[in-house]
PDB file of all heavy atoms in Angstrom:
ATOM      1  N   VAL A   1     -97.482 123.834  -4.005  1.00  0.00           N
ATOM      2  CA  VAL A   1     -98.057 124.640  -3.024  1.00  0.00           C
ATOM      3  C   VAL A   1     -96.971 125.694  -2.548  1.00  0.00           C
ATOM      4  O   VAL A   1     -97.364 126.806  -2.212  1.00  0.00           O
ATOM      5  CB  VAL A   1     -98.415 123.784  -1.815  1.00  0.00           C
ATOM      6  CG1 VAL A   1     -98.902 124.695  -0.640  1.00  0.00           C
ATOM      7  CG2 VAL A   1     -99.569 122.866  -2.112  1.00  0.00           C
ATOM      8  N   ALA A   2     -95.680 125.337  -2.575  1.00  0.00           N
ATOM      9  CA  ALA A   2     -94.654 126.259  -2.142  1.00  0.00           C
ATOM     10  C   ALA A   2     -94.592 127.515  -2.948  1.00  0.00           C
ATOM     11  O   ALA A   2     -94.035 128.507  -2.499  1.00  0.00           O
ATOM     12  CB  ALA A   2     -93.310 125.551  -2.199  1.00  0.00           C
ATOM     13  N   THR A   3     -95.152 127.607  -4.139  1.00  0.00           N
ATOM     14  CA  THR A   3     -95.054 128.789  -4.961  1.00  0.00           C
ATOM     15  C   THR A   3     -96.223 129.757  -4.601  1.00  0.00           C
ATOM     16  O   THR A   3     -96.162 130.880  -5.117  1.00  0.00           O
ATOM     17  CB  THR A   3     -95.271 128.338  -6.482  1.00  0.00           C
ATOM     18  OG1 THR A   3     -96.579 127.831  -6.684  1.00  0.00           O
ATOM     19  CG2 THR A   3     -94.180 127.298  -6.889  1.00  0.00           C
ATOM     20  N   ILE A   4     -97.194 129.348  -3.780  1.00  0.00           N
ATOM     21  CA  ILE A   4     -98.228 130.279  -3.442  1.00  0.00           C
ATOM     22  C   ILE A   4     -97.854 131.052  -2.208  1.00  0.00           C
ATOM     23  O   ILE A   4     -97.371 130.484  -1.194  1.00  0.00           O
ATOM     24  CB  ILE A   4     -99.535 129.569  -3.199  1.00  0.00           C
ATOM     25  CG1 ILE A   4     -99.836 128.580  -4.374  1.00  0.00           C
ATOM     26  CG2 ILE A   4    -100.719 130.422  -2.940  1.00  0.00           C
ATOM     27  CD1 ILE A   4    -101.077 127.681  -4.196  1.00  0.00           C
ATOM     28  N   THR A   5     -98.075 132.345  -2.178  1.00  0.00           N
ATOM     29  CA  THR A   5     -97.724 133.192  -1.035  1.00  0.00           C
ATOM     30  C   THR A   5     -99.000 133.895  -0.555  1.00  0.00           C
ATOM     31  O   THR A   5    -100.011 133.931  -1.213  1.00  0.00           O
ATOM     32  CB  THR A   5     -96.592 134.127  -1.333  1.00  0.00           C
ATOM     33  OG1 THR A   5     -97.071 134.950  -2.444  1.00  0.00           O
ATOM     34  CG2 THR A   5     -95.320 133.387  -1.816  1.00  0.00           C
ATOM     35  N   GLY A   6     -98.830 134.540   0.570  1.00  0.00           N
ATOM     36  CA  GLY A   6     -99.919 135.405   1.127  1.00  0.00           C
ATOM     37  C   GLY A   6    -100.728 134.613   2.128  1.00  0.00           C
ATOM     38  O   GLY A   6    -100.619 133.322   2.337  1.00  0.00           O
ATOM     39  N   MET A   7    -101.709 135.346   2.851  1.00  0.00           N
ATOM     40  CA  MET A   7    -102.465 134.698   3.858  1.00  0.00           C
ATOM     41  C   MET A   7    -103.487 133.801   3.242  1.00  0.00           C
ATOM     42  O   MET A   7    -103.886 133.894   2.045  1.00  0.00           O
ATOM     43  CB  MET A   7    -103.244 135.815   4.643  1.00  0.00           C
ATOM     44  CG  MET A   7    -102.348 136.630   5.583  1.00  0.00           C
ATOM     45  SD  MET A   7    -103.261 137.878   6.499  1.00  0.00           S
ATOM     46  CE  MET A   7    -104.369 136.829   7.480  1.00  0.00           C
ATOM     47  N   LEU A   8    -104.055 132.866   4.074  1.00  0.00           N
ATOM     48  CA  LEU A   8    -105.118 131.965   3.724  1.00  0.00           C
ATOM     49  C   LEU A   8    -106.363 132.796   3.668  1.00  0.00           C
ATOM     50  O   LEU A   8    -106.505 133.733   4.353  1.00  0.00           O
ATOM     51  CB  LEU A   8    -105.279 130.850   4.670  1.00  0.00           C
ATOM     52  CG  LEU A   8    -104.097 129.905   4.691  1.00  0.00           C
ATOM     53  CD1 LEU A   8    -104.145 128.922   5.859  1.00  0.00           C
ATOM     54  CD2 LEU A   8    -104.002 129.102   3.407  1.00  0.00           C
ATOM     55  N   SER A   9    -107.354 132.378   2.892  1.00  0.00           N
ATOM     56  CA  SER A   9    -108.607 133.162   2.780  1.00  0.00           C
ATOM     57  C   SER A   9    -109.604 132.852   3.922  1.00  0.00           C
ATOM     58  O   SER A   9    -110.434 133.753   4.230  1.00  0.00           O
ATOM     59  CB  SER A   9    -109.385 132.762   1.488  1.00  0.00           C
ATOM     60  OG  SER A   9    -109.831 131.434   1.569  1.00  0.00           O
ATOM     61  N   GLY A  10    -109.466 131.624   4.536  1.00  0.00           N
ATOM     62  CA  GLY A  10    -110.506 131.320   5.610  1.00  0.00           C
ATOM     63  C   GLY A  10    -111.612 130.556   5.028  1.00  0.00           C
ATOM     64  O   GLY A  10    -112.609 130.191   5.746  1.00  0.00           O
ATOM     65  N   GLU A  11    -111.597 130.212   3.705  1.00  0.00           N
ATOM     66  CA  GLU A  11    -112.651 129.437   3.107  1.00  0.00           C
ATOM     67  C   GLU A  11    -111.997 128.104   2.694  1.00  0.00           C
ATOM     68  O   GLU A  11    -111.289 128.002   1.694  1.00  0.00           O
ATOM     69  CB  GLU A  11    -113.166 130.155   1.768  1.00  0.00           C
ATOM     70  CG  GLU A  11    -113.662 131.564   2.054  1.00  0.00           C
ATOM     71  CD  GLU A  11    -113.968 132.364   0.824  1.00  0.00           C
ATOM     72  OE1 GLU A  11    -113.963 131.719  -0.324  1.00  0.00           O
ATOM     73  OE2 GLU A  11    -114.251 133.600   0.899  1.00  0.00           O
ATOM     74  N   PRO A  12    -112.336 127.054   3.480  1.00  0.00           N
ATOM     75  CA  PRO A  12    -111.771 125.723   3.196  1.00  0.00           C
ATOM     76  C   PRO A  12    -112.074 125.183   1.750  1.00  0.00           C
ATOM     77  O   PRO A  12    -111.264 124.409   1.232  1.00  0.00           O
ATOM     78  CB  PRO A  12    -112.455 124.855   4.223  1.00  0.00           C
ATOM     79  CG  PRO A  12    -112.832 125.713   5.365  1.00  0.00           C
ATOM     80  CD  PRO A  12    -113.153 127.043   4.609  1.00  0.00           C
ATOM     81  N   ALA A  13    -113.118 125.623   1.092  1.00  0.00           N
ATOM     82  CA  ALA A  13    -113.485 125.114  -0.167  1.00  0.00           C
ATOM     83  C   ALA A  13    -112.679 125.930  -1.356  1.00  0.00           C
ATOM     84  O   ALA A  13    -112.814 125.485  -2.549  1.00  0.00           O
ATOM     85  CB  ALA A  13    -114.937 125.205  -0.468  1.00  0.00           C
ATOM     86  N   LYS A  14    -111.986 126.940  -1.018  1.00  0.00           N
ATOM     87  CA  LYS A  14    -111.305 127.745  -2.043  1.00  0.00           C
ATOM     88  C   LYS A  14    -110.223 126.935  -2.681  1.00  0.00           C
ATOM     89  O   LYS A  14    -109.550 126.135  -2.032  1.00  0.00           O
ATOM     90  CB  LYS A  14    -110.721 129.008  -1.410  1.00  0.00           C
ATOM     91  CG  LYS A  14    -109.953 129.878  -2.340  1.00  0.00           C
ATOM     92  CD  LYS A  14    -109.342 131.098  -1.630  1.00  0.00           C
ATOM     93  CE  LYS A  14    -108.537 131.916  -2.552  1.00  0.00           C
ATOM     94  NZ  LYS A  14    -109.232 132.499  -3.650  1.00  0.00           N
ATOM     95  N   SER A  15    -109.958 127.201  -3.963  1.00  0.00           N
ATOM     96  CA  SER A  15    -108.920 126.572  -4.713  1.00  0.00           C
ATOM     97  C   SER A  15    -107.980 127.585  -5.363  1.00  0.00           C
ATOM     98  O   SER A  15    -108.492 128.724  -5.668  1.00  0.00           O
ATOM     99  CB  SER A  15    -109.469 125.562  -5.740  1.00  0.00           C
ATOM    100  OG  SER A  15    -110.172 126.314  -6.743  1.00  0.00           O
ATOM    101  N   TYR A  16    -106.792 127.224  -5.554  1.00  0.00           N
ATOM    102  CA  TYR A  16    -105.850 128.113  -6.229  1.00  0.00           C
ATOM    103  C   TYR A  16    -105.373 127.426  -7.515  1.00  0.00           C
ATOM    104  O   TYR A  16    -105.192 126.278  -7.545  1.00  0.00           O
ATOM    105  CB  TYR A  16    -104.592 128.447  -5.304  1.00  0.00           C
ATOM    106  CG  TYR A  16    -105.017 129.015  -3.917  1.00  0.00           C
ATOM    107  CD1 TYR A  16    -105.601 128.243  -2.955  1.00  0.00           C
ATOM    108  CD2 TYR A  16    -104.786 130.356  -3.686  1.00  0.00           C
ATOM    109  CE1 TYR A  16    -105.938 128.759  -1.680  1.00  0.00           C
ATOM    110  CE2 TYR A  16    -105.202 130.932  -2.518  1.00  0.00           C
ATOM    111  CZ  TYR A  16    -105.778 130.143  -1.540  1.00  0.00           C
ATOM    112  OH  TYR A  16    -106.069 130.710  -0.322  1.00  0.00           O
ATOM    113  N   THR A  17    -105.075 128.267  -8.478  1.00  0.00           N
ATOM    114  CA  THR A  17    -104.555 127.686  -9.768  1.00  0.00           C
ATOM    115  C   THR A  17    -103.090 127.948  -9.992  1.00  0.00           C
ATOM    116  O   THR A  17    -102.613 129.048  -9.911  1.00  0.00           O
ATOM    117  CB  THR A  17    -105.319 128.298 -10.954  1.00  0.00           C
ATOM    118  OG1 THR A  17    -106.738 128.045 -10.796  1.00  0.00           O
ATOM    119  CG2 THR A  17    -104.826 127.717 -12.250  1.00  0.00           C
ATOM    120  N   ILE A  18    -102.362 126.908 -10.228  1.00  0.00           N
ATOM    121  CA  ILE A  18    -100.929 126.999 -10.468  1.00  0.00           C
ATOM    122  C   ILE A  18    -100.663 126.706 -11.930  1.00  0.00           C
ATOM    123  O   ILE A  18    -100.990 125.608 -12.451  1.00  0.00           O
ATOM    124  CB  ILE A  18    -100.140 125.947  -9.661  1.00  0.00           C
ATOM    125  CG1 ILE A  18    -100.455 126.157  -8.133  1.00  0.00           C
ATOM    126  CG2 ILE A  18     -98.625 126.101  -9.901  1.00  0.00           C
ATOM    127  CD1 ILE A  18    -100.028 127.420  -7.570  1.00  0.00           C
ATOM    128  N   GLN A  19    -100.102 127.715 -12.664  1.00  0.00           N
ATOM    129  CA  GLN A  19     -99.832 127.505 -14.103  1.00  0.00           C
ATOM    130  C   GLN A  19     -98.573 126.594 -14.293  1.00  0.00           C
ATOM    131  O   GLN A  19     -97.637 126.839 -13.608  1.00  0.00           O
ATOM    132  CB  GLN A  19     -99.647 128.901 -14.780  1.00  0.00           C
ATOM    133  CG  GLN A  19    -100.958 129.684 -14.957  1.00  0.00           C
ATOM    134  CD  GLN A  19    -100.785 130.741 -15.885  1.00  0.00           C
ATOM    135  OE1 GLN A  19    -100.290 130.588 -17.013  1.00  0.00           O
ATOM    136  NE2 GLN A  19    -101.134 131.988 -15.522  1.00  0.00           N
ATOM    137  N   GLU A  20     -98.673 125.756 -15.121  1.00  0.00           N
ATOM    138  CA  GLU A  20     -97.546 124.855 -15.457  1.00  0.00           C
ATOM    139  C   GLU A  20     -96.601 125.636 -16.241  1.00  0.00           C
ATOM    140  O   GLU A  20     -96.937 126.508 -17.087  1.00  0.00           O
ATOM    141  CB  GLU A  20     -98.058 123.602 -16.197  1.00  0.00           C
ATOM    142  CG  GLU A  20     -99.031 122.712 -15.446  1.00  0.00           C
ATOM    143  CD  GLU A  20     -98.429 122.074 -14.162  1.00  0.00           C
ATOM    144  OE1 GLU A  20     -97.152 122.034 -14.108  1.00  0.00           O
ATOM    145  OE2 GLU A  20     -99.220 121.745 -13.246  1.00  0.00           O
ATOM    146  N   PRO A  21     -95.281 125.308 -16.217  1.00  0.00           N
ATOM    147  CA  PRO A  21     -94.241 125.899 -17.093  1.00  0.00           C
ATOM    148  C   PRO A  21     -94.575 125.784 -18.509  1.00  0.00           C
ATOM    149  O   PRO A  21     -94.998 124.673 -19.005  1.00  0.00           O
ATOM    150  CB  PRO A  21     -92.990 125.239 -16.710  1.00  0.00           C
ATOM    151  CG  PRO A  21     -93.197 124.673 -15.381  1.00  0.00           C
ATOM    152  CD  PRO A  21     -94.723 124.381 -15.222  1.00  0.00           C
ATOM    153  N   GLY A  22     -94.587 126.889 -19.269  1.00  0.00           N
ATOM    154  CA  GLY A  22     -94.897 126.848 -20.646  1.00  0.00           C
ATOM    155  C   GLY A  22     -96.333 126.894 -21.039  1.00  0.00           C
ATOM    156  O   GLY A  22     -96.693 126.778 -22.177  1.00  0.00           O
ATOM    157  N   ALA A  23     -97.191 127.147 -20.002  1.00  0.00           N
ATOM    158  CA  ALA A  23     -98.577 127.245 -20.231  1.00  0.00           C
ATOM    159  C   ALA A  23     -98.888 128.534 -21.048  1.00  0.00           C
ATOM    160  O   ALA A  23     -98.190 129.517 -20.944  1.00  0.00           O
ATOM    161  CB  ALA A  23     -99.374 127.180 -18.930  1.00  0.00           C
ATOM    162  N   PRO A  24     -99.965 128.561 -21.859  1.00  0.00           N
ATOM    163  CA  PRO A  24    -100.254 129.785 -22.611  1.00  0.00           C
ATOM    164  C   PRO A  24    -100.684 130.878 -21.600  1.00  0.00           C
ATOM    165  O   PRO A  24    -101.136 130.644 -20.533  1.00  0.00           O
ATOM    166  CB  PRO A  24    -101.471 129.332 -23.388  1.00  0.00           C
ATOM    167  CG  PRO A  24    -102.038 128.193 -22.715  1.00  0.00           C
ATOM    168  CD  PRO A  24    -100.872 127.455 -22.169  1.00  0.00           C
ATOM    169  N   PRO A  25    -100.406 132.093 -22.011  1.00  0.00           N
ATOM    170  CA  PRO A  25    -100.645 133.267 -21.078  1.00  0.00           C
ATOM    171  C   PRO A  25    -102.240 133.322 -20.766  1.00  0.00           C
ATOM    172  O   PRO A  25    -102.983 132.861 -21.588  1.00  0.00           O
ATOM    173  CB  PRO A  25    -100.141 134.458 -21.935  1.00  0.00           C
ATOM    174  CG  PRO A  25    -100.187 134.018 -23.296  1.00  0.00           C
ATOM    175  CD  PRO A  25     -99.850 132.540 -23.340  1.00  0.00           C
ATOM    176  N   ALA A  26    -102.454 133.967 -19.720  1.00  0.00           N
ATOM    177  CA  ALA A  26    -103.897 134.119 -19.336  1.00  0.00           C
ATOM    178  C   ALA A  26    -104.548 135.052 -20.397  1.00  0.00           C
ATOM    179  O   ALA A  26    -104.023 135.944 -20.949  1.00  0.00           O
ATOM    180  CB  ALA A  26    -103.974 134.743 -17.945  1.00  0.00           C
ATOM    181  N   ALA A  27    -105.875 134.793 -20.533  1.00  0.00           N
ATOM    182  CA  ALA A  27    -106.656 135.616 -21.468  1.00  0.00           C
ATOM    183  C   ALA A  27    -106.726 137.069 -20.858  1.00  0.00           C
ATOM    184  O   ALA A  27    -106.650 137.236 -19.670  1.00  0.00           O
ATOM    185  CB  ALA A  27    -108.055 134.963 -21.651  1.00  0.00           C
ATOM    186  N   GLU A  28    -107.120 138.040 -21.737  1.00  0.00           N
ATOM    187  CA  GLU A  28    -107.303 139.394 -21.303  1.00  0.00           C
ATOM    188  C   GLU A  28    -108.209 139.467 -20.184  1.00  0.00           C
ATOM    189  O   GLU A  28    -109.369 138.974 -20.249  1.00  0.00           O
ATOM    190  CB  GLU A  28    -107.725 140.315 -22.507  1.00  0.00           C
ATOM    191  CG  GLU A  28    -107.700 141.731 -22.157  1.00  0.00           C
ATOM    192  CD  GLU A  28    -108.121 142.594 -23.324  1.00  0.00           C
ATOM    193  OE1 GLU A  28    -108.207 141.991 -24.447  1.00  0.00           O
ATOM    194  OE2 GLU A  28    -108.241 143.789 -23.189  1.00  0.00           O
ATOM    195  N   GLY A  29    -107.905 140.172 -19.151  1.00  0.00           N
ATOM    196  CA  GLY A  29    -108.789 140.341 -18.016  1.00  0.00           C
ATOM    197  C   GLY A  29    -108.530 139.242 -16.938  1.00  0.00           C
ATOM    198  O   GLY A  29    -109.182 139.346 -15.851  1.00  0.00           O
ATOM    199  N   GLU A  30    -107.662 138.247 -17.221  1.00  0.00           N
ATOM    200  CA  GLU A  30    -107.368 137.238 -16.234  1.00  0.00           C
ATOM    201  C   GLU A  30    -106.007 137.481 -15.712  1.00  0.00           C
ATOM    202  O   GLU A  30    -105.150 137.933 -16.323  1.00  0.00           O
ATOM    203  CB  GLU A  30    -107.541 135.796 -16.844  1.00  0.00           C
ATOM    204  CG  GLU A  30    -108.882 135.476 -17.292  1.00  0.00           C
ATOM    205  CD  GLU A  30    -108.870 134.038 -17.864  1.00  0.00           C
ATOM    206  OE1 GLU A  30    -107.809 133.673 -18.321  1.00  0.00           O
ATOM    207  OE2 GLU A  30    -109.928 133.332 -17.774  1.00  0.00           O
ATOM    208  N   GLU A  31    -105.861 137.050 -14.416  1.00  0.00           N
ATOM    209  CA  GLU A  31    -104.483 137.208 -13.824  1.00  0.00           C
ATOM    210  C   GLU A  31    -103.866 135.858 -13.776  1.00  0.00           C
ATOM    211  O   GLU A  31    -104.294 134.940 -13.161  1.00  0.00           O
ATOM    212  CB  GLU A  31    -104.593 137.751 -12.328  1.00  0.00           C
ATOM    213  CG  GLU A  31    -105.274 139.089 -12.318  1.00  0.00           C
ATOM    214  CD  GLU A  31    -105.264 139.638 -10.859  1.00  0.00           C
ATOM    215  OE1 GLU A  31    -104.278 139.328 -10.101  1.00  0.00           O
ATOM    216  OE2 GLU A  31    -106.181 140.281 -10.447  1.00  0.00           O
ATOM    217  N   GLY A  32    -102.733 135.745 -14.515  1.00  0.00           N
ATOM    218  CA  GLY A  32    -102.070 134.418 -14.660  1.00  0.00           C
ATOM    219  C   GLY A  32    -100.885 134.269 -13.681  1.00  0.00           C
ATOM    220  O   GLY A  32     -99.818 134.070 -14.107  1.00  0.00           O
ATOM    221  N   ILE A  33    -101.234 134.434 -12.396  1.00  0.00           N
ATOM    222  CA  ILE A  33    -100.209 134.337 -11.431  1.00  0.00           C
ATOM    223  C   ILE A  33    -100.611 133.196 -10.435  1.00  0.00           C
ATOM    224  O   ILE A  33    -101.779 132.949 -10.320  1.00  0.00           O
ATOM    225  CB  ILE A  33    -100.005 135.611 -10.636  1.00  0.00           C
ATOM    226  CG1 ILE A  33    -101.274 136.062  -9.941  1.00  0.00           C
ATOM    227  CG2 ILE A  33     -99.500 136.720 -11.470  1.00  0.00           C
ATOM    228  CD1 ILE A  33    -101.095 137.265  -9.037  1.00  0.00           C
ATOM    229  N   ALA A  34     -99.632 132.552  -9.809  1.00  0.00           N
ATOM    230  CA  ALA A  34     -99.798 131.548  -8.871  1.00  0.00           C
ATOM    231  C   ALA A  34    -100.708 131.984  -7.763  1.00  0.00           C
ATOM    232  O   ALA A  34    -100.452 133.040  -7.218  1.00  0.00           O
ATOM    233  CB  ALA A  34     -98.508 130.949  -8.346  1.00  0.00           C
ATOM    234  N   GLY A  35    -101.711 131.239  -7.371  1.00  0.00           N
ATOM    235  CA  GLY A  35    -102.526 131.532  -6.218  1.00  0.00           C
ATOM    236  C   GLY A  35    -103.801 132.297  -6.627  1.00  0.00           C
ATOM    237  O   GLY A  35    -104.535 132.712  -5.708  1.00  0.00           O
TER     238      GLY A  35
END
């Protein structure tokens, strides 16, 4: 959780994706950043 920055969305059901070290890069058109 400590790797995610920025304000909360205000949507309790929202989820954030944290990529594990060494994970394959995001596919074209996807943003492979924490949060």
